[in-house]
Amino acid sequence: MTLGTAYLDTVRYLEGEGKIIASFKSLDCDGKETEAEFGFLPELRLPHNHDFKQFLASVSPQGLIFRETEKGICANSKSFSGLELLHSLLSVSFNAFVPLPEPERQFLLSRDWGYFDKFEIREGRQGGPAVEKKGFAEDSVNSPCFPENIKQKDAFLSNLLLLQCKKIPAGQETGMAFLENAAFANFSLMPSGKTPKQAKDSCKSGFHDLIELDFSRAILEKIAESNLGADSINCGCCRPESLHSGNVLPNSAVEVEFLENGYYFDSCIPLFARQFHEQNPGKSARLARKKEFCLEGMPVGPFYCGKKAVVPLADALRLEGGGAARIVAEKELRWHCRKKPSFVAAGISGLLSLESALKERMAALEKKDIAEKGLNAFNPVFSSPEKTSLEEFLQACSCLLESVFSCLGTGSFSGQKDFSENVQAFSSGLLSGYNEMLEERNSEPIYLISGRAFVKHMEIFTDLAVVSKDTGMSLPSVF
């Protein structure tokens, strides 16, 4: 027998008892609450690794149950504090950050539930209620009984992060919470270690009237498409046969022979340019050239005809395309896995797919509104609750994507050399691709200043839109 519909309001774990209590609030205005009890053991997850297995066999903290699954190694316990102790031991012993979401988040991940999801409540066979998820409770956020202090955007973020509204972190921590969920679901480790020192941004004085572009969406799409992540780079199952294999990464090292004298080039990967400058003679010449030509990054060189050097594949392809050098040998291939998605790529792909679905729904709703309301469809006064909700959901999704992108460019993620180098190569390739197409249209280029992209006039967006449509690359937004 159906007792009604409700949305998931709270979840709490009973420490030491192996139980979860989930509270559901009625979508009717009677405010009725229904509680359901579930047996649940929180766990700590690790990827398959011989060293981890030996460590767990030697430590064996009391009250923990270890098991091996197809995806990885699990340690279960009724006591979450016991898992936290094991987490600390692993972190110290392996200098690794093992994701360990609190039991409530783990429970929601295991059931594919989220706060504010809509459920059908029925009578259970053993006295307690039975619940069945029906989707996100969109009608609840427009209901008079919905808490007035909770914004629709926050409700959607709560649903995505599996955190109660009052526990949603701010800034980059929002993205880190999302990535932690993705890493836990994927049996992956989070990056750890110190953040490398970054060169200070150069002053933008004299360019105060420029318009800054945001290419983060396109770069995130490239990360997802290339399955980039520490847990997917140089896997043992997808080693490429040659430089021309589809999963070769742009920071692969190749040897080139230069065909010109006194040649310098700007690298697609600033990390490589900085390393080359520190480890090779000619520092004063490079610094003088950088100052003379007001270069954004450190130039790489000088090279002379017949001289050979090892450079990133992304740079080698540009040099060969311009006739300045030719590729003569592979030195160190780097590649991404084609079978198992990295937790970063999987998380980003899920968010982008969700955003795309929301945009499709918004487009269909706007088409319907125009047919029914005419020009009033664009008047906020006549906006439907459904459209208002979709706008809030899209804004929440966009904010979360921005936070994830911010996480990937700073903190421990930026300390992962392979990851950072490839993100830089993706960004450089994206800007070069846009500028080549803009040049064909006799349009002004995109300027790179302190690692950020700028244009002089808003009128360029007409050409940017055409290039975006022709190439399939995401149209940048304005900061």
Foldseek 3Di string as FASTA:
>chain_A
DWPAKWFWADWDADAPPQKIKTWTFGLDQVRDIAIDMDGHWFKFFAADDPVVVVVCVVPVDPQWDWDADPQGIIITGSHVVSVVVVQVVCCVVPVFRGQGDPRQLVVCLVVVWFGQFMWTWDQDPVGGIDIDTDGHNLVSQVGPNRDPVDDLLLRLLRRQLRHRSVPQDDFLVSLVSNLSSLCRVNSHIDFGDFWDDDDDFDDCPVVVLWFFWFQLLLLLVVCLVLLDDPVFKPDPPCDDPDPPDPFWFQQFKFKKFFAAAQDKADDLFLVVLVVQLVPDPPVVVQVVVCVVVVDQGGIHDDDHGRDMDIGGNLVQVVCVVVVGIHTDGGDGIMGGHPPRRDSSSVSSVVLVVVLVVLVVVLVVVLVVCCVVPPPCSPPPVPDDSVNVSSVSSNVSSVSNSVSSSVVCCTDSNNVPVVRSRRSSSSVSVVQVQLQVQCVVVVHDGWDAGSNTTTDNDPVCLVVLVVSCVVVVRDRIDTD
